[in-house]
Protein backbone atom coordinates (compact mmCIF):
# COMPACT_ATOMS: atom_id res chain seq x y z
CA MET A 1 110.83 138.20 99.55
CA SER A 2 109.30 135.23 97.75
CA ASN A 3 111.26 132.14 96.81
CA SER A 4 110.59 132.89 93.14
CA ALA A 5 112.32 136.26 93.53
CA ILE A 6 115.37 134.46 94.91
CA THR A 7 115.51 131.46 92.58
CA GLY A 8 114.02 132.99 89.44
CA LEU A 9 112.30 130.99 86.73
CA THR A 10 112.21 127.23 87.02
CA THR A 11 113.75 124.99 84.38
CA SER A 12 110.25 124.07 83.16
CA GLN A 13 109.34 127.77 82.82
CA VAL A 14 112.42 128.45 80.71
CA GLU A 15 111.65 125.40 78.55
CA SER A 16 108.06 126.61 78.19
CA PHE A 17 109.34 130.00 77.06
CA ILE A 18 111.43 128.32 74.37
CA GLU A 19 108.51 126.14 73.18
CA ASP A 20 105.50 128.46 73.67
CA GLY A 21 107.17 131.85 73.31
CA PHE A 22 106.20 133.36 76.64
CA VAL A 23 106.24 132.90 80.39
CA ARG A 24 103.84 134.36 82.97
CA ILE A 25 105.29 135.74 86.21
CA ASP A 26 102.80 136.37 89.02
CA ASN A 27 103.56 139.05 91.62
CA ALA A 28 106.34 140.41 89.43
CA PHE A 29 105.83 143.83 91.04
CA PRO A 30 103.77 144.92 94.07
CA THR A 31 100.04 145.62 93.75
CA ASP A 32 100.37 148.93 95.59
CA LEU A 33 102.87 150.00 92.94
CA ALA A 34 100.39 148.94 90.24
CA SER A 35 97.77 151.17 91.92
CA GLN A 36 100.17 154.11 91.97
CA CYS A 37 100.92 153.60 88.27
CA GLN A 38 97.17 153.44 87.55
CA ASP A 39 96.67 156.79 89.31
CA GLU A 40 99.40 158.35 87.18
CA LEU A 41 97.85 156.98 84.00
CA TRP A 42 94.41 158.32 84.92
CA ALA A 43 96.03 161.73 85.37
CA ALA A 44 97.89 161.45 82.06
CA MET A 45 94.59 160.72 80.28
CA GLY A 46 92.74 163.52 82.06
CA LEU A 47 90.04 161.07 83.13
CA SER A 48 88.67 159.78 86.43
CA PRO A 49 87.93 156.23 87.62
CA ASP A 50 84.71 157.65 89.13
CA ARG A 51 83.28 159.20 85.94
CA ALA A 52 82.47 156.34 83.57
CA GLU A 53 80.34 158.71 81.48
CA ASP A 54 83.61 160.26 80.24
CA TRP A 55 85.00 156.93 78.98
CA THR A 56 83.88 157.52 75.40
CA GLN A 57 86.74 155.88 73.49
CA PRO A 58 87.43 152.14 73.28
CA VAL A 59 91.17 152.68 73.69
CA ILE A 60 93.45 155.53 74.71
CA ARG A 61 97.19 155.24 74.11
CA ILE A 62 99.81 156.78 76.34
CA PRO A 63 103.16 156.70 74.50
CA SER A 64 105.43 156.35 77.51
CA MET A 65 105.85 156.92 81.23
CA SER A 66 109.18 157.36 82.98
CA THR A 67 108.31 158.31 86.55
CA SER A 68 109.93 156.45 89.41
CA ALA A 69 106.86 154.22 89.87
CA PHE A 70 107.15 152.76 86.38
CA ILE A 71 110.91 152.42 86.59
CA ARG A 72 110.54 150.49 89.86
CA ALA A 73 107.83 148.25 88.36
CA ALA A 74 110.12 147.28 85.49
CA ASN A 75 113.16 146.64 87.68
CA THR A 76 112.14 144.36 90.52
CA LEU A 77 114.52 141.64 91.64
CA ILE A 78 112.32 138.88 90.24
CA LEU A 79 112.21 140.57 86.83
CA HIS A 80 115.94 141.24 86.74
CA ARG A 81 116.55 137.59 87.50
CA ALA A 82 114.16 136.56 84.71
CA TYR A 83 115.80 138.97 82.23
CA ASP A 84 119.14 137.33 83.05
CA GLN A 85 117.71 133.86 82.56
CA LEU A 86 115.98 134.55 79.23
CA VAL A 87 118.30 137.09 77.61
CA GLY A 88 121.59 136.47 79.40
CA PRO A 89 123.41 138.23 82.25
CA ASP A 90 124.74 141.66 81.27
CA ARG A 91 123.08 141.43 77.84
CA TRP A 92 120.11 143.75 78.44
CA LEU A 93 119.58 147.40 79.34
CA GLU A 94 117.82 148.30 82.58
CA PRO A 95 114.44 149.88 81.66
CA GLN A 96 114.25 153.58 82.40
CA GLY A 97 110.50 153.76 81.94
CA MET A 98 108.01 151.93 79.77
CA GLY A 99 105.50 152.28 76.96
CA SER A 100 103.31 152.12 75.17
CA PHE A 101 100.08 151.88 77.15
CA PRO A 102 96.96 150.80 75.23
CA ILE A 103 94.37 151.51 77.93
CA ARG A 104 91.13 149.76 76.96
CA PHE A 105 87.64 150.76 78.08
CA PRO A 106 84.32 148.92 78.00
CA SER A 107 82.79 149.97 74.70
CA GLN A 108 80.46 148.90 71.91
CA ILE A 109 82.75 150.68 69.44
CA ALA A 110 85.23 148.44 67.61
CA PRO A 111 88.76 149.29 68.78
CA GLY A 112 90.18 149.15 65.25
CA ASP A 113 93.59 147.90 66.39
CA ASP A 114 92.89 144.26 67.16
CA GLY A 115 94.64 142.51 64.26
CA TRP A 116 97.28 139.81 64.68
CA HIS A 117 100.83 141.13 64.49
CA VAL A 118 104.41 140.96 65.70
CA ASP A 119 106.24 144.01 67.00
CA ALA A 120 108.93 145.64 64.89
CA SER A 121 112.43 145.95 66.28
CA PHE A 122 114.07 148.72 64.29
CA GLY A 123 113.35 151.51 61.82
CA ASP A 124 113.24 155.28 61.62
CA GLY A 125 110.54 156.19 59.11
CA ALA A 126 107.13 157.68 59.77
CA ASP A 127 105.43 154.66 58.21
CA PHE A 128 105.57 152.10 61.02
CA MET A 129 104.65 149.30 58.61
CA GLU A 130 108.10 149.82 57.07
CA TRP A 131 109.84 149.11 60.37
CA ARG A 132 111.63 145.79 60.43
CA ALA A 133 112.54 142.66 62.35
CA ASN A 134 115.35 140.25 61.51
CA VAL A 135 116.15 136.69 62.48
CA LYS A 136 118.70 137.87 65.07
CA SER A 137 116.04 140.04 66.72
CA SER A 138 118.33 143.05 66.51
CA ARG A 139 117.46 145.84 68.95
CA ARG A 140 114.82 143.87 70.85
CA ALA A 141 115.47 141.24 73.52
CA LEU A 142 111.90 140.67 74.75
CA LEU A 143 108.33 141.83 74.34
CA MET A 144 106.85 142.43 77.80
CA LEU A 145 103.24 142.76 78.96
CA PHE A 146 102.82 144.50 82.33
CA LEU A 147 99.35 144.27 83.92
CA PHE A 148 98.52 147.31 86.05
CA SER A 149 94.93 146.20 86.65
CA ASP A 150 93.31 142.82 87.21
CA VAL A 151 92.64 141.28 83.79
CA GLY A 152 90.06 138.55 83.32
CA ALA A 153 88.61 136.98 80.18
CA ASP A 154 86.20 139.90 79.58
CA ASP A 155 88.77 142.65 80.24
CA ALA A 156 90.44 142.71 76.79
CA PRO A 157 93.35 140.39 77.60
CA THR A 158 95.99 140.28 74.90
CA ARG A 159 95.56 137.20 72.69
CA ILE A 160 98.71 135.13 72.17
CA ARG A 161 99.37 132.44 69.57
CA LYS A 162 101.43 129.85 71.40
CA GLY A 163 104.50 128.72 69.49
CA SER A 164 104.04 131.34 66.76
CA HIS A 165 107.49 132.78 67.46
CA ALA A 166 109.03 129.68 65.87
CA ILE A 167 107.01 130.17 62.68
CA ILE A 168 108.05 133.82 62.43
CA ALA A 169 111.70 132.90 63.06
CA ARG A 170 111.63 130.55 60.05
CA GLU A 171 109.99 133.21 57.90
CA LEU A 172 112.56 135.83 58.92
CA LEU A 173 115.44 133.48 58.14
CA ALA A 174 114.72 133.90 54.43
CA TYR A 175 115.15 137.69 54.67
CA GLY A 176 118.67 137.58 56.10
CA LEU A 177 120.08 140.17 58.48
CA TYR A 178 118.35 143.07 56.69
CA GLY A 179 115.08 141.57 57.87
CA ALA A 180 111.49 141.98 56.77
CA THR A 181 109.14 144.92 57.13
CA LEU A 182 105.92 144.58 59.09
CA ARG A 183 104.12 145.03 55.78
CA GLU A 184 105.93 142.01 54.36
CA LEU A 185 105.36 139.88 57.46
CA SER A 186 101.65 140.74 57.59
CA ALA A 187 100.93 140.28 53.88
CA ASP A 188 98.87 137.14 54.53
CA GLY A 189 97.44 138.30 57.85
CA TYR A 190 99.78 135.91 59.70
CA ALA A 191 97.88 132.97 58.28
CA SER A 192 100.92 130.75 58.88
CA SER A 193 100.23 130.95 62.62
CA GLU A 194 96.45 130.58 62.58
CA ARG A 195 96.56 126.94 63.73
CA CYS A 196 98.50 127.82 66.89
CA HIS A 197 96.63 127.38 70.15
CA GLU A 198 95.51 130.67 71.64
CA ALA A 199 96.31 131.87 75.16
CA LEU A 200 95.06 134.97 76.96
CA ALA A 201 97.33 137.30 78.94
CA MET A 202 95.22 137.36 82.11
CA GLY A 203 96.19 137.83 85.73
CA GLU A 204 96.05 140.08 88.73
CA ALA A 205 97.67 143.51 88.79
CA GLY A 206 101.40 142.96 89.17
CA THR A 207 101.51 140.09 86.67
CA VAL A 208 104.06 140.28 83.84
CA TYR A 209 104.28 138.21 80.67
CA LEU A 210 107.79 137.98 79.22
CA CYS A 211 107.43 137.12 75.53
CA HIS A 212 109.73 136.18 72.70
CA PRO A 213 110.13 139.15 70.31
CA PHE A 214 108.62 137.14 67.41
CA LEU A 215 105.42 136.13 69.23
CA VAL A 216 102.24 136.76 67.21
CA HIS A 217 99.64 138.50 69.37
CA ALA A 218 96.56 140.68 69.12
CA ALA A 219 94.34 143.03 71.09
CA GLN A 220 90.59 142.54 71.45
CA ALA A 221 87.49 144.47 72.42
CA HIS A 222 86.74 145.10 76.09
CA ARG A 223 83.56 143.35 77.29
CA GLY A 224 84.02 143.94 81.02
CA THR A 225 83.11 146.82 83.31
CA ARG A 226 86.41 148.43 84.40
CA PRO A 227 89.24 149.78 82.21
CA ARG A 228 92.23 147.55 81.54
CA PHE A 229 95.63 149.07 82.24
CA MET A 230 98.58 147.41 80.54
CA ALA A 231 102.00 148.35 79.16
CA GLN A 232 103.81 146.56 76.35
CA PRO A 233 107.43 147.76 76.43
CA PRO A 234 110.41 146.05 74.85
CA LEU A 235 113.42 144.91 76.82
CA LEU A 236 116.35 146.32 74.88
CA PRO A 237 119.58 144.38 74.37
CA LYS A 238 123.00 145.86 75.07
CA GLY A 239 124.18 144.86 71.62
CA GLU A 240 124.11 142.23 68.93
CA PHE A 241 124.43 138.56 69.76
CA ASP A 242 128.03 137.67 70.64
CA PRO A 243 128.84 134.22 69.17
CA ALA A 244 131.54 133.84 71.83
CA LEU A 245 128.79 133.58 74.45
CA ALA A 246 126.38 130.71 74.95
CA PRO A 247 123.02 131.33 73.27
CA SER A 248 120.27 132.59 75.56
CA PRO A 249 116.81 130.98 75.61
CA VAL A 250 115.65 133.73 73.23
CA GLN A 251 118.35 132.67 70.77
CA VAL A 252 117.89 128.95 71.44
CA ALA A 253 114.23 129.29 70.42
CA ILE A 254 115.24 130.94 67.14
CA ARG A 255 117.97 128.43 66.36
CA LYS A 256 115.74 125.48 67.23
CA ALA A 257 112.95 126.80 65.00
CA CYS A 258 115.36 127.27 62.09
CA GLY A 259 117.03 123.88 62.49
CA LEU A 260 120.39 125.40 63.41
CA ALA A 261 122.92 123.96 65.86
CA LEU A 262 122.26 124.94 69.46
C-alpha cells in the first residue's frame, strides 16, 4: 500500500483542486484491473484489439458498466480517502458502477462531440440540453475521469480549462437554486472561460482525475494509434449541502468564486 493511499491528498493538492478545479491521482487503481476493464469494454463493443480494420467509428459510447471490476476500480482506498477530502466524510454515495464511456479510436472522421461544456447535474427530459446545474451543485459531488488505457497527448486526452469552475459558479449564482439549463450555459459557447489555461487529462492506465462539477472541458479527435479507454462518471452526493457542517473543498471553491463567506 502506497503512502498516498494512507495519507490521501496533500494540502497543496486540495488547494490546487480549489483553485484549478481538478486534481490528478496516479495509481488510483491497479493496472491489472484497468486491463480487465478494457477486456470487458472490448466485449461490450463487439470489437477486438487485434482487428484494427473494424475500428470504423471515431467514438463508441458505452452507457454504463456495473461489473465487479468497475465497482472495484471506483472504490479503492486511495479514492475513498480523496472523496472524503474533497466532498466530506459520509457525504457521498459509494459508486456501484460507472459510465459513460466515450471510447475513442484513431480516425480521420471528426468525432462531432468535441465542444466545450460542463456536465448537467439533474433533469428528467429527453432533451439533455434542458438538464440543469445550480450553484449548490445539487445531485453531483464530482466529475471523475478514469483512465483505463495509457493516454498521451495524441490519444484524445480530455481538454480541461483550468479555473473555469469558478467562472461557471459565478454564472450559476444569478440563476438561483433552480439553476440553468445546459442550453443557457452554452449560449455563448463558454466564451467566458476561453482565456483559461488548458490542461490535458493524460496519464497511465489507473490514473484518475477528480474534477469540480462546474469544470469546463472538451473531447478531441484521436491522433494516436491505439484506442483510448476512459470513463467519466459522477460522484453522487448523499444529499444537499448541510449548513451545519463545514464546507467541503467543492463548496469552498464555489463560495470563494462567488465572494461568499467561507
